[in-house]
């Protein structure tokens, strides 16, 4: 990849050279999308802001591990942010905070609640997801909205892992047909594809 013509490659090079201003550039470009991905998992602005800071530190410390030959920068960033959020919701402390604030478990963990309450820049995306067959909605809600792995999705729905994988592939195909060139489709597809390697 040509570092002189690819903006992401230039940012990565600056980060690897210890240029702290490059982190500001990175977050200016991708921060909103990454924050949104974290928020969709934890459903708390305060917690999402803290986790975004944690993720930024991880990105800074681990930038040497990023290999442009293994995938796009945004996919790598998204994986760090989502894993940071997933680690958080699996802690006992997070569950205690959720209970102390009387957050309805349905609003945190139930896929149908996530489907209704999801706050994303393009409301048309959620409407499009709802046009899919219910079985495809389920896998998208669990994997994209709640951060489940495919194995966790199989366990939650009590179906074989192979069935989950097939439904993910079909859901991606159907979304492509319905959304066309919608930019948010890229975020959905990247998230679903990440689940394929976890």
C-alpha atoms as a PDB file:
ATOM      1  CA  UNK A   1       0.000   0.000   0.000  1.00  0.00           C
ATOM      2  CA  UNK A   2       1.350   3.412  -0.913  1.00  0.00           C
ATOM      3  CA  UNK A   3       1.763   5.458   2.262  1.00  0.00           C
ATOM      4  CA  UNK A   4       1.892   8.702   0.298  1.00  0.00           C
ATOM      5  CA  UNK A   5      -1.548   8.304  -1.232  1.00  0.00           C
ATOM      6  CA  UNK A   6      -3.511   6.382   1.417  1.00  0.00           C
ATOM      7  CA  UNK A   7      -4.731   8.614   4.272  1.00  0.00           C
ATOM      8  CA  UNK A   8      -5.103   5.729   6.741  1.00  0.00           C
ATOM      9  CA  UNK A   9      -1.613   4.478   5.958  1.00  0.00           C
ATOM     10  CA  UNK A  10      -0.220   7.952   6.677  1.00  0.00           C
ATOM     11  CA  UNK A  11      -2.068   8.091  10.004  1.00  0.00           C
ATOM     12  CA  UNK A  12      -0.775   4.648  10.972  1.00  0.00           C
ATOM     13  CA  UNK A  13       2.785   5.625  10.058  1.00  0.00           C
ATOM     14  CA  UNK A  14       2.526   8.754  12.192  1.00  0.00           C
ATOM     15  CA  UNK A  15       1.153   6.743  15.122  1.00  0.00           C
ATOM     16  CA  UNK A  16       3.935   4.198  14.834  1.00  0.00           C
ATOM     17  CA  UNK A  17       6.400   7.090  14.901  1.00  0.00           C
ATOM     18  CA  UNK A  18       4.893   8.288  18.188  1.00  0.00           C
ATOM     19  CA  UNK A  19       3.022  11.297  16.794  1.00  0.00           C
ATOM     20  CA  UNK A  20       0.288  11.965  19.365  1.00  0.00           C
ATOM     21  CA  UNK A  21      -1.452  14.429  17.036  1.00  0.00           C
ATOM     22  CA  UNK A  22      -2.125  11.491  14.735  1.00  0.00           C
ATOM     23  CA  UNK A  23      -4.439  10.046  17.395  1.00  0.00           C
ATOM     24  CA  UNK A  24      -6.542  13.210  17.235  1.00  0.00           C
ATOM     25  CA  UNK A  25      -6.661  12.858  13.457  1.00  0.00           C
ATOM     26  CA  UNK A  26      -7.682   9.220  13.776  1.00  0.00           C
ATOM     27  CA  UNK A  27     -10.462   9.948  16.270  1.00  0.00           C
ATOM     28  CA  UNK A  28     -11.681  12.882  14.208  1.00  0.00           C
ATOM     29  CA  UNK A  29     -12.122  10.517  11.280  1.00  0.00           C
ATOM     30  CA  UNK A  30     -13.469   7.405  13.001  1.00  0.00           C
ATOM     31  CA  UNK A  31     -14.350   8.452  16.555  1.00  0.00           C
ATOM     32  CA  UNK A  32     -18.092   8.871  16.078  1.00  0.00           C
ATOM     33  CA  UNK A  33     -18.538   5.466  14.444  1.00  0.00           C
ATOM     34  CA  UNK A  34     -16.371   3.753  17.072  1.00  0.00           C
ATOM     35  CA  UNK A  35     -18.193   5.456  19.943  1.00  0.00           C
ATOM     36  CA  UNK A  36     -21.509   4.430  18.422  1.00  0.00           C
ATOM     37  CA  UNK A  37     -20.372   0.802  18.257  1.00  0.00           C
ATOM     38  CA  UNK A  38     -19.398   0.895  21.945  1.00  0.00           C
ATOM     39  CA  UNK A  39     -22.609   2.644  22.989  1.00  0.00           C
ATOM     40  CA  UNK A  40     -24.755   0.088  21.196  1.00  0.00           C
ATOM     41  CA  UNK A  41     -23.245  -2.566  23.453  1.00  0.00           C
ATOM     42  CA  UNK A  42     -23.192  -0.820  26.856  1.00  0.00           C
ATOM     43  CA  UNK A  43     -26.219   1.481  26.376  1.00  0.00           C
ATOM     44  CA  UNK A  44     -24.773   4.141  28.692  1.00  0.00           C
ATOM     45  CA  UNK A  45     -23.238   7.424  27.552  1.00  0.00           C
ATOM     46  CA  UNK A  46     -20.966   7.749  30.593  1.00  0.00           C
ATOM     47  CA  UNK A  47     -19.683   4.193  30.335  1.00  0.00           C
ATOM     48  CA  UNK A  48     -19.303   4.465  26.563  1.00  0.00           C
ATOM     49  CA  UNK A  49     -17.190   7.629  26.947  1.00  0.00           C
ATOM     50  CA  UNK A  50     -14.919   5.914  29.482  1.00  0.00           C
ATOM     51  CA  UNK A  51     -14.584   2.850  27.273  1.00  0.00           C
ATOM     52  CA  UNK A  52     -13.816   5.011  24.257  1.00  0.00           C
ATOM     53  CA  UNK A  53     -10.889   6.477  26.190  1.00  0.00           C
ATOM     54  CA  UNK A  54      -9.761   2.982  27.214  1.00  0.00           C
ATOM     55  CA  UNK A  55      -9.983   1.832  23.606  1.00  0.00           C
ATOM     56  CA  UNK A  56      -8.006   4.853  22.406  1.00  0.00           C
ATOM     57  CA  UNK A  57      -5.219   3.956  24.835  1.00  0.00           C
ATOM     58  CA  UNK A  58      -5.245   0.363  23.579  1.00  0.00           C
ATOM     59  CA  UNK A  59      -5.068   1.590  19.997  1.00  0.00           C
ATOM     60  CA  UNK A  60      -2.103   3.838  20.846  1.00  0.00           C
ATOM     61  CA  UNK A  61      -0.257   1.063  22.706  1.00  0.00           C
ATOM     62  CA  UNK A  62      -0.961  -1.628  20.130  1.00  0.00           C
ATOM     63  CA  UNK A  63      -0.610   0.262  16.857  1.00  0.00           C
ATOM     64  CA  UNK A  64       2.584  -1.684  16.124  1.00  0.00           C
ATOM     65  CA  UNK A  65       0.417  -4.812  15.887  1.00  0.00           C
ATOM     66  CA  UNK A  66      -1.699  -3.392  13.084  1.00  0.00           C
ATOM     67  CA  UNK A  67      -0.858  -4.977   9.741  1.00  0.00           C
ATOM     68  CA  UNK A  68      -2.438  -3.307   6.717  1.00  0.00           C
ATOM     69  CA  UNK A  69      -1.977  -6.526   4.757  1.00  0.00           C
ATOM     70  CA  UNK A  70      -4.396  -8.332   7.082  1.00  0.00           C
ATOM     71  CA  UNK A  71      -7.290  -5.909   6.872  1.00  0.00           C
ATOM     72  CA  UNK A  72      -8.538  -2.348   6.773  1.00  0.00           C
ATOM     73  CA  UNK A  73      -7.684   0.020   9.599  1.00  0.00           C
ATOM     74  CA  UNK A  74     -11.309   0.664  10.515  1.00  0.00           C
ATOM     75  CA  UNK A  75     -12.004  -3.054  10.981  1.00  0.00           C
ATOM     76  CA  UNK A  76      -9.004  -3.297  13.325  1.00  0.00           C
ATOM     77  CA  UNK A  77     -10.137  -0.247  15.309  1.00  0.00           C
ATOM     78  CA  UNK A  78     -13.695  -1.524  15.494  1.00  0.00           C
ATOM     79  CA  UNK A  79     -12.544  -4.887  16.820  1.00  0.00           C
ATOM     80  CA  UNK A  80     -10.582  -3.208  19.642  1.00  0.00           C
ATOM     81  CA  UNK A  81     -13.526  -0.989  20.586  1.00  0.00           C
ATOM     82  CA  UNK A  82     -16.105  -3.765  20.508  1.00  0.00           C
ATOM     83  CA  UNK A  83     -13.882  -6.127  22.501  1.00  0.00           C
ATOM     84  CA  UNK A  84     -13.321  -3.393  25.091  1.00  0.00           C
ATOM     85  CA  UNK A  85     -17.091  -2.947  25.424  1.00  0.00           C
ATOM     86  CA  UNK A  86     -17.775  -6.677  25.506  1.00  0.00           C
ATOM     87  CA  UNK A  87     -15.200  -7.174  28.255  1.00  0.00           C
ATOM     88  CA  UNK A  88     -16.996  -4.477  30.236  1.00  0.00           C
ATOM     89  CA  UNK A  89     -20.516  -5.889  30.008  1.00  0.00           C
ATOM     90  CA  UNK A  90     -19.267  -9.307  31.083  1.00  0.00           C
ATOM     91  CA  UNK A  91     -17.939  -7.963  34.399  1.00  0.00           C
ATOM     92  CA  UNK A  92     -19.869  -8.308  37.632  1.00  0.00           C
ATOM     93  CA  UNK A  93     -19.365  -4.599  38.320  1.00  0.00           C
ATOM     94  CA  UNK A  94     -21.166  -3.610  35.121  1.00  0.00           C
ATOM     95  CA  UNK A  95     -24.095  -5.888  35.969  1.00  0.00           C
ATOM     96  CA  UNK A  96     -24.264  -4.371  39.446  1.00  0.00           C
ATOM     97  CA  UNK A  97     -24.276  -0.823  38.020  1.00  0.00           C
ATOM     98  CA  UNK A  98     -27.012  -1.797  35.589  1.00  0.00           C
ATOM     99  CA  UNK A  99     -29.116  -3.194  38.431  1.00  0.00           C
ATOM    100  CA  UNK A 100     -28.468  -0.230  40.758  1.00  0.00           C
ATOM    101  CA  UNK A 101     -29.650   2.148  38.034  1.00  0.00           C
ATOM    102  CA  UNK A 102     -32.659  -0.104  37.490  1.00  0.00           C
ATOM    103  CA  UNK A 103     -31.782  -0.616  33.866  1.00  0.00           C
ATOM    104  CA  UNK A 104     -34.202  -3.141  32.511  1.00  0.00           C
ATOM    105  CA  UNK A 105     -32.359  -6.304  31.478  1.00  0.00           C
ATOM    106  CA  UNK A 106     -34.591  -6.333  28.423  1.00  0.00           C
ATOM    107  CA  UNK A 107     -33.051  -3.019  27.334  1.00  0.00           C
ATOM    108  CA  UNK A 108     -29.500  -4.296  27.772  1.00  0.00           C
ATOM    109  CA  UNK A 109     -29.577  -7.872  26.626  1.00  0.00           C
ATOM    110  CA  UNK A 110     -32.786  -8.595  24.735  1.00  0.00           C
ATOM    111  CA  UNK A 111     -32.356  -8.500  20.993  1.00  0.00           C
ATOM    112  CA  UNK A 112     -35.846  -7.189  20.280  1.00  0.00           C
ATOM    113  CA  UNK A 113     -35.356  -4.275  22.701  1.00  0.00           C
ATOM    114  CA  UNK A 114     -32.069  -3.435  21.020  1.00  0.00           C
ATOM    115  CA  UNK A 115     -33.812  -3.538  17.676  1.00  0.00           C
ATOM    116  CA  UNK A 116     -36.370  -0.944  18.778  1.00  0.00           C
ATOM    117  CA  UNK A 117     -34.067   1.314  20.831  1.00  0.00           C
ATOM    118  CA  UNK A 118     -30.990   1.298  18.645  1.00  0.00           C
ATOM    119  CA  UNK A 119     -29.781   4.851  18.060  1.00  0.00           C
ATOM    120  CA  UNK A 120     -27.847   5.138  14.799  1.00  0.00           C
ATOM    121  CA  UNK A 121     -27.418   8.025  12.353  1.00  0.00           C
ATOM    122  CA  UNK A 122     -29.594   6.439   9.666  1.00  0.00           C
ATOM    123  CA  UNK A 123     -33.001   5.331  10.931  1.00  0.00           C
ATOM    124  CA  UNK A 124     -33.567   3.709   7.550  1.00  0.00           C
ATOM    125  CA  UNK A 125     -31.024   1.047   8.419  1.00  0.00           C
ATOM    126  CA  UNK A 126     -33.076  -0.203  11.354  1.00  0.00           C
ATOM    127  CA  UNK A 127     -36.214  -0.189   9.218  1.00  0.00           C
ATOM    128  CA  UNK A 128     -34.351  -2.182   6.599  1.00  0.00           C
ATOM    129  CA  UNK A 129     -33.223  -4.754   9.154  1.00  0.00           C
ATOM    130  CA  UNK A 130     -36.835  -5.164  10.215  1.00  0.00           C
ATOM    131  CA  UNK A 131     -37.729  -6.036   6.616  1.00  0.00           C
ATOM    132  CA  UNK A 132     -35.600  -9.172   6.840  1.00  0.00           C
ATOM    133  CA  UNK A 133     -37.038 -12.533   7.782  1.00  0.00           C
ATOM    134  CA  UNK A 134     -37.205 -12.827  11.588  1.00  0.00           C
ATOM    135  CA  UNK A 135     -34.513 -15.524  11.741  1.00  0.00           C
ATOM    136  CA  UNK A 136     -32.058 -13.193   9.975  1.00  0.00           C
ATOM    137  CA  UNK A 137     -33.072 -10.277  12.191  1.00  0.00           C
ATOM    138  CA  UNK A 138     -32.208 -12.399  15.209  1.00  0.00           C
ATOM    139  CA  UNK A 139     -28.643 -13.135  14.159  1.00  0.00           C
ATOM    140  CA  UNK A 140     -28.006  -9.507  13.148  1.00  0.00           C
ATOM    141  CA  UNK A 141     -29.429  -8.187  16.403  1.00  0.00           C
ATOM    142  CA  UNK A 142     -27.308 -10.557  18.474  1.00  0.00           C
ATOM    143  CA  UNK A 143     -24.065 -10.198  16.518  1.00  0.00           C
ATOM    144  CA  UNK A 144     -24.224  -6.580  15.331  1.00  0.00           C
ATOM    145  CA  UNK A 145     -26.182  -4.918  18.131  1.00  0.00           C
ATOM    146  CA  UNK A 146     -25.192  -6.999  21.133  1.00  0.00           C
ATOM    147  CA  UNK A 147     -21.713  -8.122  20.161  1.00  0.00           C
ATOM    148  CA  UNK A 148     -22.288 -11.867  20.418  1.00  0.00           C
ATOM    149  CA  UNK A 149     -19.889 -14.243  18.703  1.00  0.00           C
ATOM    150  CA  UNK A 150     -21.418 -16.759  16.321  1.00  0.00           C
ATOM    151  CA  UNK A 151     -21.003 -19.513  18.916  1.00  0.00           C
ATOM    152  CA  UNK A 152     -22.734 -17.382  21.548  1.00  0.00           C
ATOM    153  CA  UNK A 153     -25.506 -16.667  19.049  1.00  0.00           C
ATOM    154  CA  UNK A 154     -25.924 -20.391  18.401  1.00  0.00           C
ATOM    155  CA  UNK A 155     -26.172 -21.014  22.146  1.00  0.00           C
ATOM    156  CA  UNK A 156     -28.629 -18.154  22.673  1.00  0.00           C
ATOM    157  CA  UNK A 157     -30.930 -19.274  19.856  1.00  0.00           C
ATOM    158  CA  UNK A 158     -30.361 -22.971  20.541  1.00  0.00           C
ATOM    159  CA  UNK A 159     -29.485 -23.727  16.930  1.00  0.00           C
ATOM    160  CA  UNK A 160     -26.385 -25.307  15.338  1.00  0.00           C
ATOM    161  CA  UNK A 161     -23.352 -23.103  14.705  1.00  0.00           C
ATOM    162  CA  UNK A 162     -23.517 -23.994  11.007  1.00  0.00           C
ATOM    163  CA  UNK A 163     -27.039 -22.594  10.855  1.00  0.00           C
ATOM    164  CA  UNK A 164     -25.878 -19.312  12.393  1.00  0.00           C
ATOM    165  CA  UNK A 165     -23.068 -19.033   9.831  1.00  0.00           C
ATOM    166  CA  UNK A 166     -25.484 -19.661   6.976  1.00  0.00           C
ATOM    167  CA  UNK A 167     -27.924 -17.074   8.295  1.00  0.00           C
ATOM    168  CA  UNK A 168     -25.163 -14.472   8.646  1.00  0.00           C
ATOM    169  CA  UNK A 169     -24.133 -14.965   5.020  1.00  0.00           C
ATOM    170  CA  UNK A 170     -27.729 -14.775   3.806  1.00  0.00           C
ATOM    171  CA  UNK A 171     -28.410 -11.712   5.992  1.00  0.00           C
ATOM    172  CA  UNK A 172     -25.391  -9.922   4.513  1.00  0.00           C
ATOM    173  CA  UNK A 173     -26.585 -10.735   0.997  1.00  0.00           C
ATOM    174  CA  UNK A 174     -30.118  -9.539   1.755  1.00  0.00           C
ATOM    175  CA  UNK A 175     -28.857  -6.305   3.336  1.00  0.00           C
ATOM    176  CA  UNK A 176     -26.720  -5.611   0.298  1.00  0.00           C
ATOM    177  CA  UNK A 177     -29.792  -6.008  -1.886  1.00  0.00           C
ATOM    178  CA  UNK A 178     -31.907  -3.755   0.308  1.00  0.00           C
ATOM    179  CA  UNK A 179     -29.377  -1.057   1.215  1.00  0.00           C
ATOM    180  CA  UNK A 180     -27.364  -0.796  -1.962  1.00  0.00           C
ATOM    181  CA  UNK A 181     -24.542   1.716  -1.433  1.00  0.00           C
ATOM    182  CA  UNK A 182     -25.656   2.974   1.998  1.00  0.00           C
ATOM    183  CA  UNK A 183     -22.399   3.749   3.926  1.00  0.00           C
ATOM    184  CA  UNK A 184     -23.765   2.246   7.148  1.00  0.00           C
ATOM    185  CA  UNK A 185     -24.012  -1.081   5.367  1.00  0.00           C
ATOM    186  CA  UNK A 186     -20.214  -1.198   5.478  1.00  0.00           C
ATOM    187  CA  UNK A 187     -20.260  -0.934   9.281  1.00  0.00           C
ATOM    188  CA  UNK A 188     -22.856  -3.688   9.588  1.00  0.00           C
ATOM    189  CA  UNK A 189     -21.035  -6.006   7.212  1.00  0.00           C
ATOM    190  CA  UNK A 190     -17.637  -5.417   8.828  1.00  0.00           C
ATOM    191  CA  UNK A 191     -19.133  -6.214  12.226  1.00  0.00           C
ATOM    192  CA  UNK A 192     -20.749  -9.381  10.958  1.00  0.00           C
ATOM    193  CA  UNK A 193     -17.592 -10.456   9.158  1.00  0.00           C
ATOM    194  CA  UNK A 194     -15.534  -9.892  12.315  1.00  0.00           C
ATOM    195  CA  UNK A 195     -17.832 -12.376  14.040  1.00  0.00           C
ATOM    196  CA  UNK A 196     -16.722 -14.966  11.480  1.00  0.00           C
ATOM    197  CA  UNK A 197     -13.170 -14.942  12.835  1.00  0.00           C
ATOM    198  CA  UNK A 198     -13.951 -14.866  16.557  1.00  0.00           C
END
